[in-house]
Amino acid sequence: MTRTGSPGNTVLQATGRIRDKAAHVARVVEDKTPDPVRDRALRTATQVRDAASRAGRIAAHKAQGTLHGKSRGKSVRAALTGRSERSPMLAAAGVLATALLVRRARRAWQARQLRRK
């Protein structure tokens, strides 16, 4: 009786396939997304990231005297998250923009169908 692989290898292979599929889907969505929408999503993500960073800095500055140890570290970490997690924020902005475009197209299609009746 021979084994083809350990369970760990199977999990790694499945994880790799899922990662490849997700990357492929991301490329397809990016290719099909019009440039103005992508630019707007990038601009929005940048604004959100900057606002989160600014809010974190303000909160850290205001709380310098009142917060100690762990609490202060958490506020600083929250301020830095907006800057360090760019990819997930861009992905979320892309998904949101795509969802809005699909919704808008669907509503336009329904309106055209109603006008024809």
Protein backbone atom coordinates (compact mmCIF):
# COMPACT_ATOMS: atom_id res chain seq x y z
CA MET A 1 0.00 0.00 0.00
CA THR A 2 1.53 3.32 -1.03
CA ARG A 3 0.64 6.80 0.07
CA THR A 4 0.64 9.59 -2.46
CA GLY A 5 1.30 12.32 0.06
CA SER A 6 0.86 13.45 3.61
CA PRO A 7 -2.19 15.44 4.68
CA GLY A 8 0.06 18.48 5.09
CA ASN A 9 1.03 18.36 1.42
CA THR A 10 -2.60 18.09 0.39
CA VAL A 11 -3.48 21.15 2.43
CA LEU A 12 -0.54 23.09 0.98
CA GLN A 13 -1.55 22.10 -2.56
CA ALA A 14 -5.16 23.13 -1.96
CA THR A 15 -4.02 26.41 -0.43
CA GLY A 16 -1.80 27.07 -3.44
CA ARG A 17 -4.63 26.35 -5.86
CA ILE A 18 -6.98 28.67 -3.96
CA ARG A 19 -4.34 31.40 -3.89
CA ASP A 20 -3.74 31.03 -7.64
CA LYS A 21 -7.47 31.12 -8.36
CA ALA A 22 -7.90 34.26 -6.22
CA ALA A 23 -5.01 35.95 -8.03
CA HIS A 24 -6.53 35.01 -11.39
CA VAL A 25 -9.94 36.39 -10.39
CA ALA A 26 -8.31 39.60 -9.16
CA ARG A 27 -6.52 40.03 -12.51
CA VAL A 28 -9.74 39.40 -14.45
CA VAL A 29 -11.68 41.90 -12.33
CA GLU A 30 -8.88 44.45 -12.69
CA ASP A 31 -8.77 43.96 -16.46
CA LYS A 32 -12.52 44.39 -16.80
CA THR A 33 -12.71 47.42 -14.50
CA PRO A 34 -12.65 50.70 -16.45
CA ASP A 35 -9.71 53.01 -15.74
CA PRO A 36 -11.82 55.87 -14.32
CA VAL A 37 -13.41 53.50 -11.80
CA ARG A 38 -10.04 52.06 -10.82
CA ASP A 39 -8.62 55.58 -10.42
CA ARG A 40 -11.57 56.62 -8.29
CA ALA A 41 -11.23 53.50 -6.13
CA LEU A 42 -7.52 54.15 -5.65
CA ARG A 43 -8.19 57.79 -4.75
CA THR A 44 -10.89 56.76 -2.28
CA ALA A 45 -8.69 54.10 -0.70
CA THR A 46 -5.90 56.64 -0.33
CA GLN A 47 -8.25 59.14 1.29
CA VAL A 48 -9.59 56.50 3.70
CA ARG A 49 -6.08 55.38 4.58
CA ASP A 50 -4.92 58.95 5.16
CA ALA A 51 -8.00 59.77 7.24
CA ALA A 52 -7.51 56.67 9.38
CA SER A 53 -3.87 57.52 9.86
CA ARG A 54 -4.69 61.12 10.74
CA ALA A 55 -7.40 60.05 13.19
CA GLY A 56 -5.02 57.63 14.84
CA ARG A 57 -2.35 60.32 15.20
CA ILE A 58 -4.88 62.76 16.66
CA ALA A 59 -6.16 60.13 19.09
CA ALA A 60 -2.62 59.22 20.11
CA HIS A 61 -1.71 62.86 20.58
CA LYS A 62 -4.80 63.64 22.66
CA ALA A 63 -4.36 60.53 24.75
CA GLN A 64 -0.64 60.90 25.43
CA GLY A 65 -1.18 61.98 28.99
CA THR A 66 -4.13 59.74 29.79
CA LEU A 67 -3.31 56.42 28.14
CA HIS A 68 -0.65 54.10 29.45
CA GLY A 69 1.19 51.08 28.09
CA LYS A 70 -1.04 48.74 26.12
CA SER A 71 -3.82 51.24 25.41
CA ARG A 72 -1.42 53.72 23.87
CA GLY A 73 0.22 50.97 21.83
CA LYS A 74 -3.16 49.93 20.47
CA SER A 75 -3.99 53.46 19.33
CA VAL A 76 -0.62 53.79 17.60
CA ARG A 77 -1.04 50.38 15.99
CA ALA A 78 -4.50 51.41 14.74
CA ALA A 79 -3.00 54.56 13.24
CA LEU A 80 -0.35 52.59 11.42
CA THR A 81 -2.77 49.94 10.11
CA GLY A 82 -4.20 52.35 7.54
CA ARG A 83 -0.76 52.81 6.06
CA SER A 84 0.53 49.27 6.21
CA GLU A 85 -2.53 47.40 4.92
CA ARG A 86 -2.76 48.96 1.47
CA SER A 87 -3.48 45.80 -0.52
CA PRO A 88 -6.58 44.74 1.43
CA MET A 89 -7.90 48.29 1.33
CA LEU A 90 -7.38 48.50 -2.43
CA ALA A 91 -9.00 45.10 -2.89
CA ALA A 92 -11.98 46.18 -0.79
CA ALA A 93 -12.30 49.40 -2.79
CA GLY A 94 -12.16 47.39 -6.02
CA VAL A 95 -14.83 44.98 -4.85
CA LEU A 96 -17.03 47.86 -3.72
CA ALA A 97 -16.59 49.69 -7.02
CA THR A 98 -17.36 46.52 -8.97
CA ALA A 99 -20.47 45.86 -6.89
CA LEU A 100 -21.67 49.42 -7.46
CA LEU A 101 -21.08 49.13 -11.20
CA VAL A 102 -22.96 45.85 -11.37
CA ARG A 103 -25.84 47.34 -9.39
CA ARG A 104 -25.95 50.40 -11.63
CA ALA A 105 -25.88 48.30 -14.79
CA ARG A 106 -28.62 46.04 -13.47
CA ARG A 107 -30.83 49.02 -12.63
CA ALA A 108 -30.24 50.55 -16.06
CA TRP A 109 -31.15 47.24 -17.70
CA GLN A 110 -34.35 47.01 -15.62
CA ALA A 111 -35.28 50.58 -16.54
CA ARG A 112 -34.82 49.79 -20.23
CA GLN A 113 -37.00 46.71 -19.86
CA LEU A 114 -39.76 48.75 -18.20
CA ARG A 115 -39.63 51.37 -20.96
CA ARG A 116 -40.06 48.70 -23.61
CA LYS A 117 -43.24 47.33 -22.01
